[in-house]
Each structure stands twice: as structure tokens, then as C-alpha cells.
Amino acid sequence: MLKTIRDWLITIFEAILLTILLILFVAQSFLVEGYSMEPTLHNGERVLVEKLSYRLRKPKRGEIVIIQNPLQKKEKYIKRIFNFNKIP
């Protein structure tokens, strides 16, 4: 009986750990709030964003990205890359 409970607790712990690692490094779900990305993405739509691509390469023009507001860390925006400005 104790072995079964222990096995269940280990399985639950492993599942929680795997979920945390997936969210931090692989993919995360985001809710679209607003109408600026229509007709591609609609207000209230949930999107799954993979996080590995931009660790391996720079984003390309036309791709949709999630960016973080540097002044308010909890605020994120979903935008399409239109142009890269050269920063001195």
C-alpha cells in the first residue's frame, strides 16, 4: 500500500517537473487580447508558442513573435515582425 502511494507521488512529481520544464524552455500557451493581429489571430484565441527557434536563430521578417514589455515584465505583446531597425 505504501509503495503504491509512493509510486503515485513520484509520478505526480515527475509530471509537474516535466510541465514546468516544458513551459520554461519548449512551449507555452498565450491568450490573444485585442484586435491588432486580425485576421491572422483573433481576440480571445489561445495560441501555443514554441520557444526553441529563436534560441537557435534570429527571427525573420513576417514571423509572429511574443515580446515582453521591458517596463512591465508581466505584459507581453503578440506582433508580426515587419522590419528590423539597425541599432547603433
Protein backbone atom coordinates (compact mmCIF):
# COMPACT_ATOMS: atom_id res chain seq x y z
CA MET A 1 0.00 0.00 0.00
CA LEU A 2 2.74 2.49 0.94
CA LYS A 3 4.72 1.54 -2.16
CA THR A 4 1.69 2.32 -4.35
CA ILE A 5 1.18 5.72 -2.71
CA ARG A 6 4.89 6.47 -3.02
CA ASP A 7 4.85 5.46 -6.70
CA TRP A 8 1.87 7.76 -7.33
CA LEU A 9 3.58 10.68 -5.57
CA ILE A 10 6.75 10.16 -7.60
CA THR A 11 4.73 10.04 -10.83
CA ILE A 12 2.86 13.23 -9.93
CA PHE A 13 6.11 14.99 -9.01
CA GLU A 14 7.72 13.93 -12.30
CA ALA A 15 4.69 15.17 -14.27
CA ILE A 16 4.79 18.56 -12.53
CA LEU A 17 8.55 18.87 -13.10
CA LEU A 18 8.20 17.95 -16.78
CA THR A 19 5.39 20.51 -17.21
CA ILE A 20 7.49 23.26 -15.63
CA LEU A 21 10.47 22.44 -17.86
CA LEU A 22 8.27 22.40 -20.98
CA ILE A 23 6.77 25.80 -20.13
CA LEU A 24 10.16 27.35 -19.35
CA PHE A 25 12.11 26.04 -22.34
CA VAL A 26 9.94 24.45 -25.05
CA ALA A 27 6.41 25.82 -25.44
CA GLN A 28 3.83 27.97 -23.70
CA SER A 29 0.20 28.89 -24.24
CA PHE A 30 -0.79 32.56 -24.64
CA LEU A 31 -4.17 34.27 -24.85
CA VAL A 32 -4.62 36.82 -27.65
CA GLU A 33 -6.04 40.03 -26.19
CA GLY A 34 -7.02 42.70 -28.69
CA TYR A 35 -7.63 43.05 -32.38
CA SER A 36 -4.27 44.22 -33.76
CA MET A 37 -3.36 40.79 -35.20
CA GLU A 38 -6.63 40.16 -37.06
CA PRO A 39 -7.35 38.42 -39.41
CA THR A 40 -4.46 36.06 -38.50
CA LEU A 41 -5.15 35.85 -34.76
CA HIS A 42 -8.46 36.77 -33.15
CA ASN A 43 -9.28 38.31 -29.78
CA GLY A 44 -9.77 35.57 -27.17
CA GLU A 45 -7.95 32.95 -29.21
CA ARG A 46 -5.36 30.81 -27.42
CA VAL A 47 -2.07 30.13 -29.23
CA LEU A 48 0.72 27.67 -28.44
CA VAL A 49 4.13 29.29 -28.84
CA GLU A 50 7.29 27.22 -29.20
CA LYS A 51 10.39 28.78 -27.67
CA LEU A 52 13.29 26.88 -29.23
CA SER A 53 13.55 28.52 -32.67
CA TYR A 54 14.89 31.86 -31.51
CA ARG A 55 17.49 30.24 -29.29
CA LEU A 56 18.96 28.78 -32.48
CA ARG A 57 18.38 31.63 -34.95
CA LYS A 58 17.16 35.22 -35.21
CA PRO A 59 13.51 35.88 -36.06
CA LYS A 60 12.71 36.55 -39.71
CA ARG A 61 10.52 39.17 -41.33
CA GLY A 62 6.87 38.10 -41.42
CA GLU A 63 7.05 35.80 -38.40
CA ILE A 64 4.79 36.28 -35.40
CA VAL A 65 6.59 36.69 -32.08
CA ILE A 66 5.78 37.30 -28.43
CA ILE A 67 7.65 40.27 -27.00
CA GLN A 68 7.89 41.38 -23.39
CA ASN A 69 7.38 44.96 -22.28
CA PRO A 70 10.73 45.92 -20.67
CA LEU A 71 8.99 48.30 -18.24
CA GLN A 72 6.28 45.86 -17.14
CA LYS A 73 7.64 42.30 -17.18
CA LYS A 74 4.20 40.67 -16.90
CA GLU A 75 2.95 42.46 -20.03
CA LYS A 76 3.55 40.64 -23.31
CA TYR A 77 2.58 41.52 -26.89
CA ILE A 78 1.94 39.32 -29.92
CA LYS A 79 3.26 41.04 -33.04
CA ARG A 80 4.38 40.28 -36.58
CA ILE A 81 7.93 41.26 -37.49
CA PHE A 82 7.77 43.88 -40.20
CA ASN A 83 11.24 45.38 -40.26
CA PHE A 84 14.44 45.35 -38.27
CA ASN A 85 15.82 48.75 -37.40
CA LYS A 86 19.56 48.95 -37.14
CA ILE A 87 20.52 49.97 -33.64
CA PRO A 88 23.86 51.80 -33.35
